[in-house]
Amino acid sequence: MNYPAGIAGVSRHIATSSALNPALLLCAICSPICFTLSYFTDGLLRAGFFLAGITPLTIAAWQIVRFTLNDPDRLQNDRHVENKMLISRFGVRQGEVTHEVIIPPSGEQGPNPLAEDDE
């Protein structure tokens, strides 16, 4: 099935690489439509369209705060998270045996027990 180059290019850029992308896409599509319909209607229908337009914005703002405080890796690109996991684990080879060294995520590093003093 051949798609035009424009659709393939757009689909590559819309690929979900962050937990916020679906909410931001919903904001980009629904909010302007609902706010426009809210402008051209009256009464209770205006309030309904306005609430429908502000709901995706509220959800996106809530997700930004939640993921920033609780799980910041979900805001990153998948490739970035994979590279971060690879960097956090590496091995030190001693003869025939490779010892895995795990770097703590807190960023606080103590002395390396496998390092030799060359002094």
N, C-alpha and C. Protein backbone atom coordinates (compact mmCIF):
# COMPACT_ATOMS: atom_id res chain seq x y z
N MET A 1 0.85 -1.18 0.00
CA MET A 1 0.00 0.00 0.00
C MET A 1 0.89 1.24 0.00
N ASN A 2 0.78 2.05 -1.00
CA ASN A 2 1.60 3.24 -1.12
C ASN A 2 0.84 4.47 -0.63
N TYR A 3 1.44 5.16 0.29
CA TYR A 3 0.88 6.41 0.78
C TYR A 3 1.68 7.56 0.21
N PRO A 4 1.06 8.69 0.03
CA PRO A 4 1.84 9.85 -0.43
C PRO A 4 2.92 10.21 0.57
N ALA A 5 4.00 10.80 0.08
CA ALA A 5 5.14 11.15 0.94
C ALA A 5 4.72 12.06 2.07
N GLY A 6 3.73 12.90 1.86
CA GLY A 6 3.27 13.82 2.90
C GLY A 6 2.70 13.09 4.10
N ILE A 7 1.89 12.07 3.86
CA ILE A 7 1.29 11.30 4.95
C ILE A 7 2.35 10.52 5.71
N ALA A 8 3.30 9.93 4.99
CA ALA A 8 4.37 9.17 5.66
C ALA A 8 5.22 10.09 6.52
N GLY A 9 5.50 11.28 6.02
CA GLY A 9 6.30 12.22 6.80
C GLY A 9 5.59 12.68 8.05
N VAL A 10 4.29 12.92 7.92
CA VAL A 10 3.51 13.35 9.08
C VAL A 10 3.42 12.23 10.11
N SER A 11 3.23 11.00 9.65
CA SER A 11 3.09 9.89 10.59
C SER A 11 4.38 9.65 11.36
N ARG A 12 5.53 9.92 10.75
CA ARG A 12 6.79 9.77 11.47
C ARG A 12 6.92 10.80 12.58
N HIS A 13 6.41 11.99 12.34
CA HIS A 13 6.52 13.05 13.34
C HIS A 13 5.47 12.93 14.43
N ILE A 14 4.36 12.26 14.15
CA ILE A 14 3.30 12.12 15.14
C ILE A 14 3.51 10.88 16.00
N ALA A 15 4.47 10.04 15.67
CA ALA A 15 4.72 8.82 16.44
C ALA A 15 4.89 9.16 17.91
N THR A 16 4.25 8.37 18.74
CA THR A 16 4.25 8.66 20.17
C THR A 16 5.62 8.38 20.76
N SER A 17 6.29 9.42 21.19
CA SER A 17 7.58 9.26 21.83
C SER A 17 7.54 9.83 23.24
N SER A 18 6.44 10.41 23.60
CA SER A 18 6.25 10.97 24.92
C SER A 18 4.83 10.65 25.35
N ALA A 19 4.61 10.55 26.64
CA ALA A 19 3.27 10.27 27.15
C ALA A 19 2.33 11.44 26.90
N LEU A 20 2.86 12.62 26.63
CA LEU A 20 2.02 13.80 26.42
C LEU A 20 1.53 13.95 24.98
N ASN A 21 2.14 13.28 24.02
CA ASN A 21 1.78 13.50 22.63
C ASN A 21 0.30 13.29 22.32
N PRO A 22 -0.34 12.23 22.81
CA PRO A 22 -1.78 12.09 22.52
C PRO A 22 -2.61 13.25 23.08
N ALA A 23 -2.31 13.69 24.28
CA ALA A 23 -3.06 14.79 24.87
C ALA A 23 -2.82 16.09 24.11
N LEU A 24 -1.59 16.32 23.69
CA LEU A 24 -1.28 17.53 22.93
C LEU A 24 -1.93 17.50 21.55
N LEU A 25 -1.99 16.34 20.94
CA LEU A 25 -2.65 16.20 19.65
C LEU A 25 -4.15 16.47 19.80
N LEU A 26 -4.74 15.96 20.87
CA LEU A 26 -6.15 16.22 21.15
C LEU A 26 -6.40 17.72 21.36
N CYS A 27 -5.48 18.39 22.05
CA CYS A 27 -5.59 19.84 22.24
C CYS A 27 -5.54 20.58 20.91
N ALA A 28 -4.65 20.15 20.04
CA ALA A 28 -4.47 20.83 18.75
C ALA A 28 -5.67 20.65 17.84
N ILE A 29 -6.36 19.53 17.97
CA ILE A 29 -7.50 19.27 17.08
C ILE A 29 -8.82 19.76 17.68
N CYS A 30 -9.10 19.36 18.92
CA CYS A 30 -10.43 19.61 19.49
C CYS A 30 -10.62 21.03 20.03
N SER A 31 -9.62 21.56 20.70
CA SER A 31 -9.81 22.86 21.35
C SER A 31 -10.14 23.98 20.38
N PRO A 32 -9.40 24.15 19.28
CA PRO A 32 -9.78 25.24 18.35
C PRO A 32 -11.18 25.07 17.76
N ILE A 33 -11.55 23.83 17.44
CA ILE A 33 -12.88 23.59 16.88
C ILE A 33 -13.95 23.94 17.90
N CYS A 34 -13.77 23.48 19.13
CA CYS A 34 -14.77 23.75 20.17
C CYS A 34 -14.85 25.23 20.52
N PHE A 35 -13.71 25.91 20.57
CA PHE A 35 -13.74 27.34 20.88
C PHE A 35 -14.39 28.13 19.74
N THR A 36 -14.18 27.71 18.50
CA THR A 36 -14.83 28.38 17.37
C THR A 36 -16.34 28.17 17.42
N LEU A 37 -16.77 26.94 17.68
CA LEU A 37 -18.20 26.67 17.81
C LEU A 37 -18.79 27.41 18.99
N SER A 38 -18.04 27.56 20.06
CA SER A 38 -18.49 28.31 21.23
C SER A 38 -18.71 29.78 20.89
N TYR A 39 -17.88 30.32 20.03
CA TYR A 39 -17.99 31.73 19.64
C TYR A 39 -19.26 31.99 18.83
N PHE A 40 -19.65 31.02 17.99
CA PHE A 40 -20.79 31.21 17.10
C PHE A 40 -22.12 30.71 17.66
N THR A 41 -22.16 30.21 18.87
CA THR A 41 -23.41 29.74 19.46
C THR A 41 -23.76 30.59 20.67
N ASP A 42 -24.96 30.36 21.21
CA ASP A 42 -25.44 31.12 22.36
C ASP A 42 -25.91 30.19 23.46
N GLY A 43 -25.98 30.75 24.67
CA GLY A 43 -26.59 30.07 25.80
C GLY A 43 -25.83 28.87 26.32
N LEU A 44 -26.61 27.83 26.61
CA LEU A 44 -26.06 26.61 27.21
C LEU A 44 -25.13 25.87 26.24
N LEU A 45 -25.43 25.95 24.96
CA LEU A 45 -24.59 25.31 23.96
C LEU A 45 -23.20 25.95 23.93
N ARG A 46 -23.14 27.27 24.13
CA ARG A 46 -21.85 27.97 24.18
C ARG A 46 -21.01 27.46 25.35
N ALA A 47 -21.64 27.32 26.52
CA ALA A 47 -20.92 26.82 27.70
C ALA A 47 -20.45 25.38 27.48
N GLY A 48 -21.28 24.57 26.83
CA GLY A 48 -20.90 23.18 26.55
C GLY A 48 -19.70 23.08 25.63
N PHE A 49 -19.70 23.86 24.56
CA PHE A 49 -18.55 23.86 23.64
C PHE A 49 -17.30 24.40 24.33
N PHE A 50 -17.47 25.42 25.17
CA PHE A 50 -16.31 25.97 25.86
C PHE A 50 -15.71 24.94 26.82
N LEU A 51 -16.56 24.24 27.56
CA LEU A 51 -16.07 23.19 28.47
C LEU A 51 -15.40 22.05 27.69
N ALA A 52 -15.98 21.69 26.54
CA ALA A 52 -15.39 20.64 25.72
C ALA A 52 -14.04 21.08 25.17
N GLY A 53 -13.86 22.37 24.92
CA GLY A 53 -12.59 22.87 24.42
C GLY A 53 -11.53 23.00 25.48
N ILE A 54 -11.94 23.29 26.70
CA ILE A 54 -10.96 23.49 27.77
C ILE A 54 -10.56 22.16 28.44
N THR A 55 -11.36 21.12 28.27
CA THR A 55 -11.06 19.83 28.90
C THR A 55 -9.72 19.24 28.43
N PRO A 56 -9.41 19.17 27.13
CA PRO A 56 -8.10 18.64 26.72
C PRO A 56 -6.93 19.47 27.26
N LEU A 57 -7.12 20.78 27.34
CA LEU A 57 -6.05 21.63 27.88
C LEU A 57 -5.81 21.33 29.36
N THR A 58 -6.88 21.10 30.09
CA THR A 58 -6.77 20.77 31.52
C THR A 58 -6.09 19.41 31.71
N ILE A 59 -6.47 18.45 30.88
CA ILE A 59 -5.86 17.11 30.96
C ILE A 59 -4.36 17.19 30.66
N ALA A 60 -3.99 17.93 29.62
CA ALA A 60 -2.58 18.06 29.26
C ALA A 60 -1.79 18.74 30.38
N ALA A 61 -2.35 19.78 30.97
CA ALA A 61 -1.66 20.47 32.08
C ALA A 61 -1.50 19.53 33.27
N TRP A 62 -2.53 18.75 33.57
CA TRP A 62 -2.46 17.80 34.68
C TRP A 62 -1.39 16.74 34.41
N GLN A 63 -1.31 16.25 33.16
CA GLN A 63 -0.30 15.25 32.83
C GLN A 63 1.11 15.81 32.94
N ILE A 64 1.31 17.04 32.52
CA ILE A 64 2.64 17.65 32.63
C ILE A 64 3.08 17.70 34.07
N VAL A 65 2.20 18.15 34.96
CA VAL A 65 2.56 18.24 36.38
C VAL A 65 2.78 16.85 36.96
N ARG A 66 1.88 15.91 36.66
CA ARG A 66 1.99 14.55 37.21
C ARG A 66 3.27 13.86 36.77
N PHE A 67 3.57 13.88 35.46
CA PHE A 67 4.75 13.20 34.97
C PHE A 67 6.03 13.91 35.38
N THR A 68 6.00 15.22 35.49
CA THR A 68 7.20 15.94 35.92
C THR A 68 7.56 15.58 37.35
N LEU A 69 6.56 15.45 38.21
CA LEU A 69 6.82 15.15 39.62
C LEU A 69 7.04 13.67 39.89
N ASN A 70 6.31 12.79 39.22
CA ASN A 70 6.35 11.37 39.56
C ASN A 70 7.17 10.50 38.63
N ASP A 71 7.15 10.76 37.33
CA ASP A 71 7.81 9.87 36.37
C ASP A 71 8.34 10.68 35.19
N PRO A 72 9.43 11.44 35.37
CA PRO A 72 9.92 12.31 34.30
C PRO A 72 10.39 11.58 33.05
N ASP A 73 10.73 10.29 33.15
CA ASP A 73 11.17 9.55 31.97
C ASP A 73 10.05 9.39 30.94
N ARG A 74 8.80 9.46 31.37
CA ARG A 74 7.69 9.32 30.43
C ARG A 74 7.54 10.55 29.54
N LEU A 75 8.20 11.64 29.90
CA LEU A 75 8.16 12.85 29.08
C LEU A 75 9.26 12.85 28.03
N GLN A 76 10.16 11.88 28.11
CA GLN A 76 11.31 11.83 27.21
C GLN A 76 11.02 10.94 26.01
N ASN A 77 11.85 11.06 25.00
CA ASN A 77 11.79 10.23 23.82
C ASN A 77 12.19 8.80 24.20
N ASP A 78 11.60 7.79 23.53
CA ASP A 78 11.91 6.39 23.84
C ASP A 78 13.39 6.09 23.69
N ARG A 79 14.00 6.64 22.66
CA ARG A 79 15.42 6.40 22.42
C ARG A 79 16.27 6.96 23.56
N HIS A 80 15.88 8.12 24.08
CA HIS A 80 16.62 8.72 25.20
C HIS A 80 16.55 7.83 26.44
N VAL A 81 15.38 7.28 26.72
CA VAL A 81 15.22 6.41 27.89
C VAL A 81 16.03 5.14 27.73
N GLU A 82 16.05 4.56 26.52
CA GLU A 82 16.85 3.36 26.28
C GLU A 82 18.34 3.65 26.47
N ASN A 83 18.81 4.77 25.94
CA ASN A 83 20.22 5.13 26.13
C ASN A 83 20.54 5.36 27.59
N LYS A 84 19.63 5.95 28.32
CA LYS A 84 19.84 6.19 29.75
C LYS A 84 19.96 4.85 30.51
N MET A 85 19.13 3.87 30.13
CA MET A 85 19.21 2.57 30.79
C MET A 85 20.51 1.86 30.44
N LEU A 86 20.97 1.98 29.19
CA LEU A 86 22.23 1.35 28.80
C LEU A 86 23.42 1.97 29.53
N ILE A 87 23.39 3.27 29.68
CA ILE A 87 24.49 3.95 30.37
C ILE A 87 24.50 3.60 31.86
N SER A 88 23.31 3.38 32.43
CA SER A 88 23.26 3.11 33.87
C SER A 88 23.82 1.73 34.24
N ARG A 89 23.96 0.84 33.26
CA ARG A 89 24.51 -0.50 33.53
C ARG A 89 25.70 -0.74 32.63
N PHE A 90 26.80 -1.03 33.20
CA PHE A 90 27.96 -1.41 32.40
C PHE A 90 28.76 -2.42 33.19
N GLY A 91 29.68 -3.09 32.53
CA GLY A 91 30.43 -4.14 33.18
C GLY A 91 31.91 -3.83 33.26
N VAL A 92 32.54 -4.38 34.29
CA VAL A 92 33.99 -4.27 34.47
C VAL A 92 34.55 -5.68 34.32
N ARG A 93 35.44 -5.83 33.36
CA ARG A 93 35.99 -7.15 33.08
C ARG A 93 37.26 -7.37 33.90
N GLN A 94 37.28 -8.48 34.63
CA GLN A 94 38.46 -8.88 35.40
C GLN A 94 38.81 -10.31 35.00
N GLY A 95 39.78 -10.42 34.13
CA GLY A 95 40.16 -11.75 33.64
C GLY A 95 39.08 -12.31 32.74
N GLU A 96 38.55 -13.47 33.11
CA GLU A 96 37.49 -14.12 32.33
C GLU A 96 36.10 -13.71 32.79
N VAL A 97 35.99 -13.02 33.90
CA VAL A 97 34.69 -12.71 34.50
C VAL A 97 34.37 -11.22 34.30
N THR A 98 33.13 -10.94 33.93
CA THR A 98 32.66 -9.57 33.81
C THR A 98 31.70 -9.28 34.96
N HIS A 99 32.05 -8.29 35.76
CA HIS A 99 31.20 -7.89 36.89
C HIS A 99 30.34 -6.72 36.46
N GLU A 100 29.05 -6.83 36.72
CA GLU A 100 28.14 -5.75 36.37
C GLU A 100 28.17 -4.69 37.46
N VAL A 101 28.30 -3.45 37.05
CA VAL A 101 28.30 -2.33 37.98
C VAL A 101 27.05 -1.52 37.71
N ILE A 102 26.23 -1.32 38.71
CA ILE A 102 25.00 -0.55 38.56
C ILE A 102 25.21 0.84 39.13
N ILE A 103 24.95 1.85 38.31
CA ILE A 103 25.10 3.23 38.75
C ILE A 103 23.79 3.65 39.39
N PRO A 104 23.81 4.14 40.63
CA PRO A 104 22.56 4.54 41.27
C PRO A 104 21.96 5.76 40.56
N PRO A 105 20.63 5.81 40.43
CA PRO A 105 20.00 6.91 39.71
C PRO A 105 20.02 8.23 40.45
N SER A 106 20.40 8.23 41.71
CA SER A 106 20.38 9.47 42.48
C SER A 106 21.46 10.44 42.04
N GLY A 107 22.47 9.96 41.36
CA GLY A 107 23.55 10.83 40.90
C GLY A 107 24.68 10.94 41.91
N GLU A 108 24.47 10.45 43.12
CA GLU A 108 25.52 10.50 44.13
C GLU A 108 26.44 9.30 43.92
N GLN A 109 27.71 9.57 43.67
CA GLN A 109 28.66 8.51 43.41
C GLN A 109 29.63 8.39 44.58
N GLY A 110 29.84 7.19 45.00
CA GLY A 110 30.82 6.93 46.05
C GLY A 110 32.10 6.48 45.40
N PRO A 111 33.08 6.07 46.20
CA PRO A 111 34.33 5.59 45.63
C PRO A 111 34.11 4.28 44.88
N ASN A 112 34.83 4.09 43.81
CA ASN A 112 34.71 2.88 42.99
C ASN A 112 35.51 1.77 43.66
N PRO A 113 34.86 0.69 44.09
CA PRO A 113 35.59 -0.38 44.78
C PRO A 113 36.48 -1.17 43.82
N LEU A 114 36.25 -1.10 42.53
CA LEU A 114 37.05 -1.86 41.57
C LEU A 114 38.21 -1.05 41.01
N ALA A 115 38.28 0.24 41.32
CA ALA A 115 39.37 1.07 40.81
C ALA A 115 40.63 0.82 41.61
N GLU A 116 41.77 0.85 40.91
CA GLU A 116 43.04 0.64 41.58
C GLU A 116 43.72 1.98 41.81
N ASP A 117 44.39 2.10 42.94
CA ASP A 117 45.15 3.32 43.22
C ASP A 117 46.48 3.25 42.50
N ASP A 118 46.76 4.26 41.69
CA ASP A 118 48.01 4.31 40.97
C ASP A 118 48.98 5.29 41.62
N GLU A 119 48.76 5.62 42.84
CA GLU A 119 49.62 6.62 43.51
C GLU A 119 50.86 5.98 44.08
